[in-house]
Amino acid sequence: MEKTRAFFSFYFTQDRHRARQVMAAWLSGDGREATPFISREALLAMIDGGIPLIYQWIEEEIARADVSVVLIGEGTAGRHFVEYEIAQSIRQRKPVLGVRVHGLPDEGGERCQPGVSPLFPMFPIYDWDADGGPEHLGAWVEAAISAQAGTTASFAPMFHAGLIRLPEGL
């Protein structure tokens, strides 16, 4: 049985604990893989090595993934690396979906306010709590993969034609 590999994009500083919870739920299902969860220490080592190393890691991990899942917390929108991960997902023609994670507790048990979505309106967005994330994440991922496979067009031509604009510097 072939495994479905997900790339999880999130604001590392605010949402890493929330991301761990979502990834644990994802990995609890059969036939699922996720990109490795990068530790704070490994991230700092990459930063010390230069931003191009981070870009390279992102590009390689998205290339190995079947789908990109953007975890949306209070401060996700406007984060440079999240925007870069979305841009790379589009460039590499990967299905993309968003999951709001503001209702999940952080390390201290605190929940955050809902944040603005960094995704374009054509991507589906679900709420982890309201839409039953633990039970439905697999179905959301499969729906995103099926929806992209069922279309003859992807977002990449729209991106290259200038119909989808990304933030400066990406």
N, C-alpha and C. Protein backbone atom coordinates (compact mmCIF):
# COMPACT_ATOMS: atom_id res chain seq x y z
N MET A 1 0.83 -1.18 0.00
CA MET A 1 0.00 0.00 0.00
C MET A 1 0.89 1.25 0.00
N GLU A 2 0.62 2.13 -0.93
CA GLU A 2 1.40 3.37 -1.02
C GLU A 2 0.97 4.35 0.06
N LYS A 3 1.95 5.01 0.66
CA LYS A 3 1.66 5.95 1.73
C LYS A 3 1.46 7.35 1.17
N THR A 4 0.58 8.11 1.82
CA THR A 4 0.37 9.50 1.48
C THR A 4 1.25 10.34 2.40
N ARG A 5 2.10 11.16 1.80
CA ARG A 5 3.06 11.97 2.57
C ARG A 5 2.58 13.42 2.58
N ALA A 6 2.47 13.98 3.76
CA ALA A 6 2.02 15.36 3.93
C ALA A 6 3.16 16.25 4.37
N PHE A 7 3.21 17.44 3.79
CA PHE A 7 4.11 18.49 4.24
C PHE A 7 3.27 19.45 5.07
N PHE A 8 3.68 19.71 6.30
CA PHE A 8 2.94 20.61 7.19
C PHE A 8 3.67 21.95 7.28
N SER A 9 2.96 23.00 6.93
CA SER A 9 3.48 24.36 6.98
C SER A 9 2.83 25.08 8.16
N PHE A 10 3.64 25.75 8.99
CA PHE A 10 3.08 26.44 10.16
C PHE A 10 4.09 27.45 10.67
N TYR A 11 3.61 28.35 11.49
CA TYR A 11 4.45 29.37 12.13
C TYR A 11 5.15 28.68 13.30
N PHE A 12 6.43 28.40 13.12
CA PHE A 12 7.18 27.57 14.06
C PHE A 12 7.13 28.10 15.48
N THR A 13 7.36 29.38 15.67
CA THR A 13 7.47 29.94 17.01
C THR A 13 6.17 29.80 17.79
N GLN A 14 5.04 30.10 17.16
CA GLN A 14 3.77 30.09 17.88
C GLN A 14 3.05 28.75 17.84
N ASP A 15 3.22 27.99 16.78
CA ASP A 15 2.34 26.84 16.57
C ASP A 15 3.02 25.48 16.53
N ARG A 16 4.28 25.37 16.95
CA ARG A 16 4.94 24.06 16.84
C ARG A 16 4.27 23.00 17.69
N HIS A 17 3.77 23.35 18.87
CA HIS A 17 3.09 22.36 19.71
C HIS A 17 1.76 21.95 19.07
N ARG A 18 1.05 22.91 18.53
CA ARG A 18 -0.20 22.61 17.82
C ARG A 18 0.09 21.72 16.60
N ALA A 19 1.18 22.04 15.90
CA ALA A 19 1.56 21.24 14.74
C ALA A 19 1.87 19.80 15.14
N ARG A 20 2.54 19.62 16.26
CA ARG A 20 2.85 18.26 16.73
C ARG A 20 1.56 17.46 16.96
N GLN A 21 0.54 18.13 17.50
CA GLN A 21 -0.74 17.45 17.77
C GLN A 21 -1.41 17.03 16.46
N VAL A 22 -1.41 17.93 15.48
CA VAL A 22 -2.03 17.62 14.19
C VAL A 22 -1.24 16.51 13.49
N MET A 23 0.08 16.62 13.52
CA MET A 23 0.90 15.59 12.87
C MET A 23 0.73 14.23 13.55
N ALA A 24 0.60 14.21 14.86
CA ALA A 24 0.37 12.95 15.56
C ALA A 24 -0.95 12.32 15.13
N ALA A 25 -1.98 13.15 14.98
CA ALA A 25 -3.27 12.63 14.51
C ALA A 25 -3.14 12.10 13.09
N TRP A 26 -2.41 12.83 12.25
CA TRP A 26 -2.21 12.39 10.87
C TRP A 26 -1.49 11.05 10.83
N LEU A 27 -0.42 10.93 11.58
CA LEU A 27 0.39 9.71 11.55
C LEU A 27 -0.30 8.52 12.20
N SER A 28 -1.37 8.76 12.97
CA SER A 28 -2.08 7.65 13.60
C SER A 28 -2.91 6.85 12.60
N GLY A 29 -3.12 7.39 11.42
CA GLY A 29 -3.87 6.68 10.38
C GLY A 29 -2.97 5.77 9.57
N ASP A 30 -3.57 4.78 8.96
CA ASP A 30 -2.80 3.85 8.12
C ASP A 30 -2.36 4.53 6.83
N GLY A 31 -1.19 4.15 6.36
CA GLY A 31 -0.70 4.61 5.07
C GLY A 31 -0.37 6.08 5.01
N ARG A 32 0.10 6.63 6.10
CA ARG A 32 0.41 8.06 6.15
C ARG A 32 1.83 8.31 6.60
N GLU A 33 2.45 9.33 6.00
CA GLU A 33 3.76 9.80 6.40
C GLU A 33 3.70 11.32 6.47
N ALA A 34 4.67 11.89 7.14
CA ALA A 34 4.78 13.34 7.21
C ALA A 34 6.23 13.72 7.04
N THR A 35 6.45 14.94 6.60
CA THR A 35 7.82 15.43 6.56
C THR A 35 8.35 15.43 7.99
N PRO A 36 9.64 15.26 8.15
CA PRO A 36 10.18 15.22 9.51
C PRO A 36 9.91 16.53 10.25
N PHE A 37 9.59 16.41 11.51
CA PHE A 37 9.39 17.60 12.34
C PHE A 37 10.77 18.11 12.70
N ILE A 38 11.06 19.30 12.25
CA ILE A 38 12.39 19.86 12.48
C ILE A 38 12.45 20.45 13.89
N SER A 39 13.50 20.12 14.59
CA SER A 39 13.65 20.63 15.95
C SER A 39 14.10 22.09 15.90
N ARG A 40 13.91 22.76 17.02
CA ARG A 40 14.35 24.15 17.11
C ARG A 40 15.86 24.24 16.89
N GLU A 41 16.60 23.29 17.43
CA GLU A 41 18.05 23.28 17.29
C GLU A 41 18.46 23.09 15.84
N ALA A 42 17.80 22.17 15.14
CA ALA A 42 18.12 21.94 13.72
C ALA A 42 17.77 23.16 12.88
N LEU A 43 16.66 23.81 13.21
CA LEU A 43 16.27 25.03 12.49
C LEU A 43 17.32 26.12 12.71
N LEU A 44 17.76 26.29 13.95
CA LEU A 44 18.78 27.30 14.23
C LEU A 44 20.09 26.98 13.50
N ALA A 45 20.43 25.71 13.41
CA ALA A 45 21.64 25.32 12.67
C ALA A 45 21.49 25.65 11.19
N MET A 46 20.31 25.44 10.63
CA MET A 46 20.09 25.80 9.23
C MET A 46 20.19 27.31 9.04
N ILE A 47 19.62 28.06 9.98
CA ILE A 47 19.69 29.52 9.90
C ILE A 47 21.15 29.97 9.95
N ASP A 48 21.94 29.34 10.83
CA ASP A 48 23.37 29.67 10.90
C ASP A 48 24.07 29.36 9.58
N GLY A 49 23.60 28.34 8.88
CA GLY A 49 24.18 27.96 7.59
C GLY A 49 23.73 28.85 6.46
N GLY A 50 22.72 29.66 6.70
CA GLY A 50 22.24 30.59 5.68
C GLY A 50 20.82 30.25 5.24
N ILE A 51 20.09 31.27 4.92
CA ILE A 51 18.70 31.12 4.48
C ILE A 51 18.57 30.19 3.27
N PRO A 52 19.52 30.18 2.32
CA PRO A 52 19.39 29.23 1.20
C PRO A 52 19.27 27.77 1.64
N LEU A 53 19.88 27.40 2.77
CA LEU A 53 19.73 26.02 3.26
C LEU A 53 18.29 25.74 3.68
N ILE A 54 17.64 26.73 4.27
CA ILE A 54 16.24 26.56 4.66
C ILE A 54 15.37 26.43 3.42
N TYR A 55 15.60 27.29 2.43
CA TYR A 55 14.84 27.20 1.17
C TYR A 55 15.03 25.82 0.53
N GLN A 56 16.26 25.35 0.52
CA GLN A 56 16.55 24.04 -0.07
C GLN A 56 15.79 22.92 0.67
N TRP A 57 15.81 22.96 1.99
CA TRP A 57 15.11 21.95 2.78
C TRP A 57 13.61 21.99 2.45
N ILE A 58 13.03 23.18 2.42
CA ILE A 58 11.61 23.33 2.11
C ILE A 58 11.31 22.75 0.74
N GLU A 59 12.07 23.13 -0.26
CA GLU A 59 11.83 22.66 -1.63
C GLU A 59 11.93 21.14 -1.73
N GLU A 60 12.93 20.55 -1.08
CA GLU A 60 13.11 19.10 -1.13
C GLU A 60 11.98 18.37 -0.41
N GLU A 61 11.57 18.88 0.74
CA GLU A 61 10.50 18.21 1.49
C GLU A 61 9.15 18.32 0.76
N ILE A 62 8.87 19.45 0.15
CA ILE A 62 7.63 19.59 -0.61
C ILE A 62 7.67 18.68 -1.83
N ALA A 63 8.83 18.55 -2.47
CA ALA A 63 8.96 17.66 -3.63
C ALA A 63 8.64 16.22 -3.26
N ARG A 64 8.98 15.81 -2.03
CA ARG A 64 8.72 14.44 -1.58
C ARG A 64 7.28 14.23 -1.09
N ALA A 65 6.55 15.32 -0.90
CA ALA A 65 5.20 15.23 -0.34
C ALA A 65 4.15 15.06 -1.44
N ASP A 66 3.01 14.52 -1.04
CA ASP A 66 1.87 14.39 -1.94
C ASP A 66 0.91 15.56 -1.80
N VAL A 67 0.99 16.25 -0.66
CA VAL A 67 0.05 17.33 -0.34
C VAL A 67 0.71 18.27 0.67
N SER A 68 0.30 19.54 0.63
CA SER A 68 0.78 20.52 1.63
C SER A 68 -0.40 20.95 2.48
N VAL A 69 -0.21 20.85 3.80
CA VAL A 69 -1.25 21.22 4.76
C VAL A 69 -0.73 22.45 5.53
N VAL A 70 -1.43 23.57 5.36
CA VAL A 70 -1.04 24.81 6.03
C VAL A 70 -1.84 24.92 7.32
N LEU A 71 -1.14 24.92 8.45
CA LEU A 71 -1.79 25.04 9.75
C LEU A 71 -1.91 26.52 10.08
N ILE A 72 -3.13 26.99 10.26
CA ILE A 72 -3.40 28.42 10.40
C ILE A 72 -3.68 28.76 11.86
N GLY A 73 -2.74 29.48 12.45
CA GLY A 73 -2.90 29.98 13.81
C GLY A 73 -3.05 31.49 13.78
N GLU A 74 -2.97 32.08 14.93
CA GLU A 74 -3.18 33.52 15.07
C GLU A 74 -2.18 34.35 14.25
N GLY A 75 -0.93 33.92 14.19
CA GLY A 75 0.10 34.72 13.53
C GLY A 75 0.66 34.12 12.26
N THR A 76 -0.02 33.16 11.64
CA THR A 76 0.52 32.47 10.48
C THR A 76 0.65 33.36 9.26
N ALA A 77 -0.41 34.13 8.97
CA ALA A 77 -0.40 34.98 7.77
C ALA A 77 0.74 35.98 7.85
N GLY A 78 1.43 36.14 6.76
CA GLY A 78 2.53 37.10 6.70
C GLY A 78 3.88 36.54 7.11
N ARG A 79 3.92 35.30 7.57
CA ARG A 79 5.20 34.69 7.94
C ARG A 79 5.95 34.31 6.67
N HIS A 80 7.17 34.75 6.56
CA HIS A 80 7.94 34.58 5.33
C HIS A 80 8.05 33.12 4.89
N PHE A 81 8.43 32.25 5.80
CA PHE A 81 8.64 30.86 5.40
C PHE A 81 7.32 30.16 5.08
N VAL A 82 6.25 30.50 5.77
CA VAL A 82 4.95 29.93 5.42
C VAL A 82 4.57 30.36 4.00
N GLU A 83 4.75 31.63 3.70
CA GLU A 83 4.45 32.10 2.34
C GLU A 83 5.34 31.42 1.31
N TYR A 84 6.60 31.19 1.65
CA TYR A 84 7.50 30.50 0.73
C TYR A 84 7.05 29.06 0.52
N GLU A 85 6.61 28.41 1.59
CA GLU A 85 6.14 27.02 1.48
C GLU A 85 4.88 26.93 0.62
N ILE A 86 3.99 27.89 0.76
CA ILE A 86 2.79 27.92 -0.10
C ILE A 86 3.20 28.13 -1.55
N ALA A 87 4.10 29.08 -1.78
CA ALA A 87 4.57 29.36 -3.14
C ALA A 87 5.22 28.12 -3.76
N GLN A 88 6.05 27.43 -2.99
CA GLN A 88 6.70 26.22 -3.51
C GLN A 88 5.68 25.12 -3.78
N SER A 89 4.68 25.01 -2.95
CA SER A 89 3.64 24.00 -3.18
C SER A 89 2.91 24.27 -4.50
N ILE A 90 2.62 25.53 -4.76
CA ILE A 90 1.97 25.89 -6.02
C ILE A 90 2.91 25.63 -7.19
N ARG A 91 4.15 26.07 -7.06
CA ARG A 91 5.13 25.86 -8.14
C ARG A 91 5.32 24.38 -8.45
N GLN A 92 5.29 23.56 -7.42
CA GLN A 92 5.50 22.13 -7.61
C GLN A 92 4.18 21.38 -7.86
N ARG A 93 3.11 22.12 -8.03
CA ARG A 93 1.80 21.56 -8.38
C ARG A 93 1.28 20.56 -7.33
N LYS A 94 1.46 20.90 -6.08
CA LYS A 94 0.98 20.06 -4.99
C LYS A 94 -0.40 20.53 -4.54
N PRO A 95 -1.28 19.62 -4.19
CA PRO A 95 -2.55 20.03 -3.59
C PRO A 95 -2.27 20.75 -2.26
N VAL A 96 -3.07 21.76 -1.97
CA VAL A 96 -2.89 22.56 -0.76
C VAL A 96 -4.23 22.67 -0.05
N LEU A 97 -4.20 22.57 1.28
CA LEU A 97 -5.38 22.83 2.08
C LEU A 97 -4.94 23.50 3.37
N GLY A 98 -5.87 24.17 3.99
CA GLY A 98 -5.59 24.84 5.25
C GLY A 98 -6.38 24.23 6.40
N VAL A 99 -5.79 24.24 7.58
CA VAL A 99 -6.47 23.76 8.78
C VAL A 99 -6.26 24.81 9.88
N ARG A 100 -7.35 25.36 10.37
CA ARG A 100 -7.27 26.32 11.48
C ARG A 100 -6.99 25.57 12.77
N VAL A 101 -5.95 25.99 13.49
CA VAL A 101 -5.53 25.28 14.70
C VAL A 101 -5.59 26.14 15.96
N HIS A 102 -6.28 27.28 15.88
CA HIS A 102 -6.31 28.20 17.03
C HIS A 102 -6.95 27.58 18.27
N GLY A 103 -7.79 26.57 18.10
CA GLY A 103 -8.45 25.94 19.23
C GLY A 103 -7.61 24.91 19.96
N LEU A 104 -6.48 24.53 19.36
CA LEU A 104 -5.59 23.58 20.01
C LEU A 104 -4.72 24.30 21.04
N PRO A 105 -4.43 23.65 22.16
CA PRO A 105 -3.59 24.31 23.17
C PRO A 105 -2.12 24.31 22.77
N ASP A 106 -1.41 25.34 23.22
CA ASP A 106 0.04 25.38 23.04
C ASP A 106 0.69 24.64 24.22
N GLU A 107 2.00 24.77 24.36
CA GLU A 107 2.71 24.07 25.42
C GLU A 107 2.19 24.41 26.81
N GLY A 108 1.71 25.64 26.99
CA GLY A 108 1.20 26.09 28.28
C GLY A 108 -0.30 25.88 28.46
N GLY A 109 -0.93 25.22 27.50
CA GLY A 109 -2.37 24.97 27.59
C GLY A 109 -3.23 26.11 27.07
N GLU A 110 -2.60 27.15 26.52
CA GLU A 110 -3.34 28.31 26.04
C GLU A 110 -3.77 28.12 24.59
N ARG A 111 -4.94 28.66 24.30
CA ARG A 111 -5.43 28.69 22.93
C ARG A 111 -5.25 30.10 22.39
N CYS A 112 -5.19 30.25 21.07
CA CYS A 112 -5.00 31.58 20.50
C CYS A 112 -6.26 32.02 19.75
N GLN A 113 -6.25 33.23 19.29
CA GLN A 113 -7.36 33.75 18.50
C GLN A 113 -7.27 33.21 17.07
N PRO A 114 -8.40 33.10 16.38
CA PRO A 114 -8.33 32.71 14.97
C PRO A 114 -7.49 33.72 14.19
N GLY A 115 -6.69 33.25 13.29
CA GLY A 115 -5.85 34.13 12.49
C GLY A 115 -6.35 34.27 11.07
N VAL A 116 -5.81 35.23 10.38
CA VAL A 116 -6.11 35.44 8.96
C VAL A 116 -5.45 34.32 8.17
N SER A 117 -6.14 33.83 7.17
CA SER A 117 -5.58 32.76 6.36
C SER A 117 -4.57 33.31 5.36
N PRO A 118 -3.41 32.66 5.23
CA PRO A 118 -2.44 33.07 4.22
C PRO A 118 -2.73 32.45 2.86
N LEU A 119 -3.79 31.64 2.78
CA LEU A 119 -4.08 30.91 1.54
C LEU A 119 -4.96 31.71 0.60
N PHE A 120 -4.81 31.42 -0.68
CA PHE A 120 -5.69 32.00 -1.69
C PHE A 120 -7.09 31.40 -1.51
N PRO A 121 -8.14 32.13 -1.89
CA PRO A 121 -9.52 31.66 -1.64
C PRO A 121 -9.87 30.32 -2.29
N MET A 122 -9.16 29.91 -3.32
CA MET A 122 -9.53 28.66 -4.00
C MET A 122 -9.12 27.40 -3.24
N PHE A 123 -8.35 27.56 -2.16
CA PHE A 123 -7.93 26.40 -1.39
C PHE A 123 -8.91 26.15 -0.25
N PRO A 124 -9.25 24.88 0.00
CA PRO A 124 -10.17 24.58 1.10
C PRO A 124 -9.50 24.83 2.46
N ILE A 125 -10.31 25.31 3.39
CA ILE A 125 -9.83 25.55 4.75
C ILE A 125 -10.82 24.91 5.72
N TYR A 126 -10.29 24.17 6.67
CA TYR A 126 -11.09 23.48 7.67
C TYR A 126 -10.70 24.00 9.05
N ASP A 127 -11.58 23.80 10.01
CA ASP A 127 -11.32 24.16 11.40
C ASP A 127 -11.11 22.87 12.18
N TRP A 128 -9.95 22.73 12.81
CA TRP A 128 -9.61 21.49 13.52
C TRP A 128 -10.68 21.08 14.51
N ASP A 129 -11.17 22.04 15.30
CA ASP A 129 -12.17 21.73 16.32
C ASP A 129 -13.57 21.62 15.74
N ALA A 130 -14.02 22.65 15.05
CA ALA A 130 -15.41 22.71 14.56
C ALA A 130 -15.70 21.65 13.51
N ASP A 131 -14.70 21.29 12.71
CA ASP A 131 -14.91 20.33 11.62
C ASP A 131 -14.41 18.93 11.94
N GLY A 132 -14.02 18.68 13.18
CA GLY A 132 -13.64 17.33 13.58
C GLY A 132 -12.31 16.87 13.02
N GLY A 133 -11.28 17.68 13.19
CA GLY A 133 -9.97 17.37 12.65
C GLY A 133 -9.42 15.99 12.93
N PRO A 134 -9.45 15.53 14.19
CA PRO A 134 -8.86 14.21 14.45
C PRO A 134 -9.52 13.09 13.63
N GLU A 135 -10.82 13.21 13.40
CA GLU A 135 -11.53 12.17 12.65
C GLU A 135 -11.49 12.39 11.15
N HIS A 136 -11.33 13.64 10.70
CA HIS A 136 -11.52 13.94 9.28
C HIS A 136 -10.30 14.41 8.52
N LEU A 137 -9.16 14.58 9.19
CA LEU A 137 -7.98 15.09 8.49
C LEU A 137 -7.63 14.23 7.28
N GLY A 138 -7.67 12.93 7.43
CA GLY A 138 -7.36 12.05 6.30
C GLY A 138 -8.30 12.27 5.12
N ALA A 139 -9.58 12.45 5.40
CA ALA A 139 -10.55 12.69 4.33
C ALA A 139 -10.30 14.05 3.67
N TRP A 140 -9.92 15.06 4.47
CA TRP A 140 -9.63 16.38 3.90
C TRP A 140 -8.45 16.30 2.94
N VAL A 141 -7.41 15.58 3.37
CA VAL A 141 -6.22 15.43 2.53
C VAL A 141 -6.57 14.68 1.25
N GLU A 142 -7.28 13.59 1.38
CA GLU A 142 -7.66 12.82 0.19
C GLU A 142 -8.54 13.63 -0.75
N ALA A 143 -9.44 14.45 -0.21
CA ALA A 143 -10.29 15.31 -1.04
C ALA A 143 -9.44 16.32 -1.81
N ALA A 144 -8.43 16.89 -1.15
CA ALA A 144 -7.56 17.86 -1.83
C ALA A 144 -6.77 17.19 -2.95
N ILE A 145 -6.27 15.99 -2.68
CA ILE A 145 -5.52 15.25 -3.70
C ILE A 145 -6.44 14.89 -4.85
N SER A 146 -7.62 14.39 -4.56
CA SER A 146 -8.58 14.01 -5.61
C SER A 146 -9.04 15.21 -6.42
N ALA A 147 -9.28 16.32 -5.75
CA ALA A 147 -9.74 17.52 -6.46
C ALA A 147 -8.68 18.00 -7.45
N GLN A 148 -7.43 17.98 -7.04
CA GLN A 148 -6.37 18.42 -7.97
C GLN A 148 -6.20 17.41 -9.08
N ALA A 149 -6.27 16.12 -8.78
CA ALA A 149 -6.10 15.09 -9.80
C ALA A 149 -7.27 15.11 -10.79
N GLY A 150 -8.43 15.56 -10.34
CA GLY A 150 -9.61 15.58 -11.20
C GLY A 150 -9.70 16.80 -12.09
N THR A 151 -8.74 17.69 -12.00
CA THR A 151 -8.76 18.87 -12.86
C THR A 151 -7.66 18.77 -13.89
N THR A 152 -7.89 19.38 -15.03
CA THR A 152 -6.86 19.37 -16.07
C THR A 152 -5.91 20.53 -15.89
N ALA A 153 -6.30 21.51 -15.07
CA ALA A 153 -5.45 22.67 -14.85
C ALA A 153 -4.97 22.66 -13.41
N SER A 154 -3.80 23.17 -13.19
CA SER A 154 -3.32 23.36 -11.83
C SER A 154 -3.14 24.84 -11.61
N PHE A 155 -2.72 25.21 -10.43
CA PHE A 155 -2.53 26.62 -10.12
C PHE A 155 -1.22 27.15 -10.69
N ALA A 156 -0.28 26.28 -11.03
CA ALA A 156 1.01 26.75 -11.52
C ALA A 156 0.88 27.60 -12.78
N PRO A 157 0.09 27.21 -13.80
CA PRO A 157 -0.04 28.09 -14.97
C PRO A 157 -0.61 29.46 -14.60
N MET A 158 -1.56 29.50 -13.67
CA MET A 158 -2.11 30.79 -13.24
C MET A 158 -1.03 31.61 -12.54
N PHE A 159 -0.21 30.94 -11.76
CA PHE A 159 0.89 31.61 -11.08
C PHE A 159 1.86 32.20 -12.09
N HIS A 160 2.26 31.39 -13.08
CA HIS A 160 3.23 31.85 -14.07
C HIS A 160 2.65 32.92 -14.98
N ALA A 161 1.34 32.92 -15.18
CA ALA A 161 0.70 33.94 -16.01
C ALA A 161 0.45 35.23 -15.25
N GLY A 162 0.75 35.24 -13.95
CA GLY A 162 0.57 36.44 -13.15
C GLY A 162 -0.82 36.59 -12.58
N LEU A 163 -1.68 35.57 -12.72
CA LEU A 163 -3.04 35.64 -12.20
C LEU A 163 -3.06 35.41 -10.69
N ILE A 164 -2.05 34.73 -10.19
CA ILE A 164 -1.87 34.56 -8.75
C ILE A 164 -0.57 35.29 -8.41
N ARG A 165 -0.67 36.23 -7.51
CA ARG A 165 0.51 37.00 -7.13
C ARG A 165 0.93 36.61 -5.71
N LEU A 166 2.21 36.43 -5.57
CA LEU A 166 2.79 36.08 -4.28
C LEU A 166 3.48 37.29 -3.69
N PRO A 167 3.68 37.29 -2.39
CA PRO A 167 4.37 38.41 -1.76
C PRO A 167 5.75 38.64 -2.38
N GLU A 168 6.20 39.87 -2.33
CA GLU A 168 7.52 40.24 -2.86
C GLU A 168 8.61 39.39 -2.21
N GLY A 169 9.60 39.05 -3.00
CA GLY A 169 10.74 38.32 -2.49
C GLY A 169 10.59 36.81 -2.50
N LEU A 170 9.44 36.32 -2.93
CA LEU A 170 9.26 34.87 -2.98
C LEU A 170 9.36 34.47 -4.42
